[in-house]
Amino acid sequence: MQFINVLFPMKNIKIYSWLLLLQIWFIVDLTAQQTTLHVVTQTIQKEWDWQPNKLLIINGENAIITVKVWDKNSIQATAELIAKHPQKSIAERDIQAQKIITEYSSKSIVLGNQ
């Protein structure tokens, strides 16, 4: 037992214990912090005339699509773009990078995102 006290005096053991506790507290504190996200949204709405036998093509990547029927001879699309990032400037840049594709012809309407 005396050999252990020579290698690791009680004073050093207390210091090492406090350092270990401090390290554990620091790691727990880092993992407990939450990141604040800035959310930027943009809404785009368009409407087109609709005739019978016209084809509607929807290509939505990472999208939630809702179709509602109404009694008008037109079709209306609303797209809500959302970008989230801890830095607001990057979220704003990301929202500008999102593209909505609309192609209208006599035979079809194509809606999508990129």
C-alpha atoms as a PDB file:
ATOM      1  CA  MET A   1       0.000   0.000   0.000  1.00  0.00           C
ATOM      2  CA  GLN A   2       2.879   2.310   0.680  1.00  0.00           C
ATOM      3  CA  PHE A   3       4.113   1.716  -2.881  1.00  0.00           C
ATOM      4  CA  ILE A   4       0.817   3.036  -4.283  1.00  0.00           C
ATOM      5  CA  ASN A   5       0.990   6.130  -2.081  1.00  0.00           C
ATOM      6  CA  VAL A   6       4.470   6.874  -3.381  1.00  0.00           C
ATOM      7  CA  LEU A   7       3.404   6.628  -7.036  1.00  0.00           C
ATOM      8  CA  PHE A   8       0.027   8.297  -6.587  1.00  0.00           C
ATOM      9  CA  PRO A   9      -0.023  10.566  -3.556  1.00  0.00           C
ATOM     10  CA  MET A  10      -3.494  11.338  -2.242  1.00  0.00           C
ATOM     11  CA  LYS A  11      -3.163  14.955  -3.351  1.00  0.00           C
ATOM     12  CA  ASN A  12      -2.646  13.887  -6.997  1.00  0.00           C
ATOM     13  CA  ILE A  13      -5.581  11.484  -6.878  1.00  0.00           C
ATOM     14  CA  LYS A  14      -7.887  14.287  -5.748  1.00  0.00           C
ATOM     15  CA  ILE A  15      -6.643  16.545  -8.548  1.00  0.00           C
ATOM     16  CA  TYR A  16      -7.101  13.799 -11.154  1.00  0.00           C
ATOM     17  CA  SER A  17     -10.590  13.087  -9.823  1.00  0.00           C
ATOM     18  CA  TRP A  18     -11.562  16.751 -10.126  1.00  0.00           C
ATOM     19  CA  LEU A  19     -10.109  16.950 -13.642  1.00  0.00           C
ATOM     20  CA  LEU A  20     -12.022  13.844 -14.658  1.00  0.00           C
ATOM     21  CA  LEU A  21     -15.269  15.251 -13.257  1.00  0.00           C
ATOM     22  CA  LEU A  22     -14.626  18.558 -15.021  1.00  0.00           C
ATOM     23  CA  GLN A  23     -14.077  16.774 -18.339  1.00  0.00           C
ATOM     24  CA  ILE A  24     -17.253  14.733 -17.956  1.00  0.00           C
ATOM     25  CA  TRP A  25     -19.253  17.865 -17.094  1.00  0.00           C
ATOM     26  CA  PHE A  26     -17.825  19.698 -20.128  1.00  0.00           C
ATOM     27  CA  ILE A  27     -18.702  16.827 -22.497  1.00  0.00           C
ATOM     28  CA  VAL A  28     -22.240  16.535 -21.079  1.00  0.00           C
ATOM     29  CA  ASP A  29     -22.697  20.302 -21.364  1.00  0.00           C
ATOM     30  CA  LEU A  30     -21.607  20.286 -25.025  1.00  0.00           C
ATOM     31  CA  THR A  31     -24.000  17.497 -25.954  1.00  0.00           C
ATOM     32  CA  ALA A  32     -26.889  19.144 -24.096  1.00  0.00           C
ATOM     33  CA  GLN A  33     -26.706  22.418 -26.054  1.00  0.00           C
ATOM     34  CA  GLN A  34     -29.348  22.883 -28.716  1.00  0.00           C
ATOM     35  CA  THR A  35     -28.789  24.536 -32.066  1.00  0.00           C
ATOM     36  CA  THR A  36     -31.195  27.308 -33.051  1.00  0.00           C
ATOM     37  CA  LEU A  37     -32.372  26.926 -36.641  1.00  0.00           C
ATOM     38  CA  HIS A  38     -33.466  29.843 -38.792  1.00  0.00           C
ATOM     39  CA  VAL A  39     -36.454  28.903 -40.943  1.00  0.00           C
ATOM     40  CA  VAL A  40     -36.991  30.782 -44.212  1.00  0.00           C
ATOM     41  CA  THR A  41     -40.147  30.178 -46.266  1.00  0.00           C
ATOM     42  CA  GLN A  42     -41.358  31.333 -49.647  1.00  0.00           C
ATOM     43  CA  THR A  43     -44.809  30.710 -51.137  1.00  0.00           C
ATOM     44  CA  ILE A  44     -45.400  30.578 -54.890  1.00  0.00           C
ATOM     45  CA  GLN A  45     -48.911  30.397 -56.344  1.00  0.00           C
ATOM     46  CA  LYS A  46     -49.910  30.033 -60.011  1.00  0.00           C
ATOM     47  CA  GLU A  47     -53.093  29.323 -61.939  1.00  0.00           C
ATOM     48  CA  TRP A  48     -53.677  27.971 -65.473  1.00  0.00           C
ATOM     49  CA  ASP A  49     -56.699  27.372 -67.703  1.00  0.00           C
ATOM     50  CA  TRP A  50     -57.806  23.754 -67.853  1.00  0.00           C
ATOM     51  CA  GLN A  51     -59.490  21.843 -70.676  1.00  0.00           C
ATOM     52  CA  PRO A  52     -60.790  18.259 -70.643  1.00  0.00           C
ATOM     53  CA  ASN A  53     -58.249  15.576 -71.671  1.00  0.00           C
ATOM     54  CA  LYS A  54     -55.274  17.758 -70.706  1.00  0.00           C
ATOM     55  CA  LEU A  55     -52.524  15.893 -68.891  1.00  0.00           C
ATOM     56  CA  LEU A  56     -51.270  17.030 -65.472  1.00  0.00           C
ATOM     57  CA  ILE A  57     -47.780  15.783 -64.558  1.00  0.00           C
ATOM     58  CA  ILE A  58     -46.465  16.365 -61.025  1.00  0.00           C
ATOM     59  CA  ASN A  59     -42.876  15.558 -60.093  1.00  0.00           C
ATOM     60  CA  GLY A  60     -42.257  16.511 -56.463  1.00  0.00           C
ATOM     61  CA  GLU A  61     -39.007  15.525 -54.792  1.00  0.00           C
ATOM     62  CA  ASN A  62     -39.184  15.672 -50.963  1.00  0.00           C
ATOM     63  CA  ALA A  63     -42.653  17.155 -51.320  1.00  0.00           C
ATOM     64  CA  ILE A  64     -46.069  16.808 -49.752  1.00  0.00           C
ATOM     65  CA  ILE A  65     -48.699  16.984 -52.487  1.00  0.00           C
ATOM     66  CA  THR A  66     -52.391  17.628 -51.856  1.00  0.00           C
ATOM     67  CA  VAL A  67     -54.951  17.534 -54.685  1.00  0.00           C
ATOM     68  CA  LYS A  68     -58.358  19.157 -54.221  1.00  0.00           C
ATOM     69  CA  VAL A  69     -61.188  19.100 -56.740  1.00  0.00           C
ATOM     70  CA  TRP A  70     -63.254  22.195 -57.503  1.00  0.00           C
ATOM     71  CA  ASP A  71     -65.861  23.282 -60.062  1.00  0.00           C
ATOM     72  CA  LYS A  72     -63.722  25.795 -62.020  1.00  0.00           C
ATOM     73  CA  ASN A  73     -62.113  25.325 -65.453  1.00  0.00           C
ATOM     74  CA  SER A  74     -58.677  26.096 -64.099  1.00  0.00           C
ATOM     75  CA  ILE A  75     -55.935  24.486 -62.091  1.00  0.00           C
ATOM     76  CA  GLN A  76     -54.150  26.245 -59.245  1.00  0.00           C
ATOM     77  CA  ALA A  77     -50.842  25.240 -57.673  1.00  0.00           C
ATOM     78  CA  THR A  78     -49.349  26.550 -54.448  1.00  0.00           C
ATOM     79  CA  ALA A  79     -45.785  25.655 -53.477  1.00  0.00           C
ATOM     80  CA  GLU A  80     -44.309  26.454 -50.094  1.00  0.00           C
ATOM     81  CA  LEU A  81     -40.516  26.328 -50.080  1.00  0.00           C
ATOM     82  CA  ILE A  82     -38.778  25.860 -46.718  1.00  0.00           C
ATOM     83  CA  ALA A  83     -35.076  26.146 -45.842  1.00  0.00           C
ATOM     84  CA  LYS A  84     -33.599  25.612 -42.357  1.00  0.00           C
ATOM     85  CA  HIS A  85     -30.058  26.368 -41.184  1.00  0.00           C
ATOM     86  CA  PRO A  86     -28.314  27.686 -38.048  1.00  0.00           C
ATOM     87  CA  GLN A  87     -27.091  30.694 -40.079  1.00  0.00           C
ATOM     88  CA  LYS A  88     -29.896  32.831 -41.510  1.00  0.00           C
ATOM     89  CA  SER A  89     -27.846  33.920 -44.542  1.00  0.00           C
ATOM     90  CA  ILE A  90     -27.307  30.291 -45.565  1.00  0.00           C
ATOM     91  CA  ALA A  91     -31.019  29.482 -45.136  1.00  0.00           C
ATOM     92  CA  GLU A  92     -31.861  32.483 -47.358  1.00  0.00           C
ATOM     93  CA  ARG A  93     -29.317  31.317 -49.955  1.00  0.00           C
ATOM     94  CA  ASP A  94     -30.775  27.794 -49.856  1.00  0.00           C
ATOM     95  CA  ILE A  95     -34.318  29.075 -50.448  1.00  0.00           C
ATOM     96  CA  GLN A  96     -33.111  30.973 -53.529  1.00  0.00           C
ATOM     97  CA  ALA A  97     -31.423  27.813 -54.852  1.00  0.00           C
ATOM     98  CA  GLN A  98     -34.709  25.860 -54.817  1.00  0.00           C
ATOM     99  CA  LYS A  99     -36.439  25.873 -58.193  1.00  0.00           C
ATOM    100  CA  ILE A 100     -40.084  25.355 -59.114  1.00  0.00           C
ATOM    101  CA  ILE A 101     -40.612  24.060 -62.639  1.00  0.00           C
ATOM    102  CA  THR A 102     -43.818  24.883 -64.511  1.00  0.00           C
ATOM    103  CA  GLU A 103     -44.340  24.008 -68.146  1.00  0.00           C
ATOM    104  CA  TYR A 104     -47.610  24.760 -69.878  1.00  0.00           C
ATOM    105  CA  SER A 105     -48.552  23.479 -73.325  1.00  0.00           C
ATOM    106  CA  SER A 106     -51.757  22.760 -75.222  1.00  0.00           C
ATOM    107  CA  LYS A 107     -51.565  19.085 -74.187  1.00  0.00           C
ATOM    108  CA  SER A 108     -50.172  19.178 -70.653  1.00  0.00           C
ATOM    109  CA  ILE A 109     -49.127  21.041 -67.548  1.00  0.00           C
ATOM    110  CA  VAL A 110     -45.919  19.940 -65.842  1.00  0.00           C
ATOM    111  CA  LEU A 111     -45.246  20.914 -62.225  1.00  0.00           C
ATOM    112  CA  GLY A 112     -42.154  19.983 -60.268  1.00  0.00           C
ATOM    113  CA  ASN A 113     -39.225  21.049 -58.160  1.00  0.00           C
ATOM    114  CA  GLN A 114     -35.470  20.803 -58.429  1.00  0.00           C
END
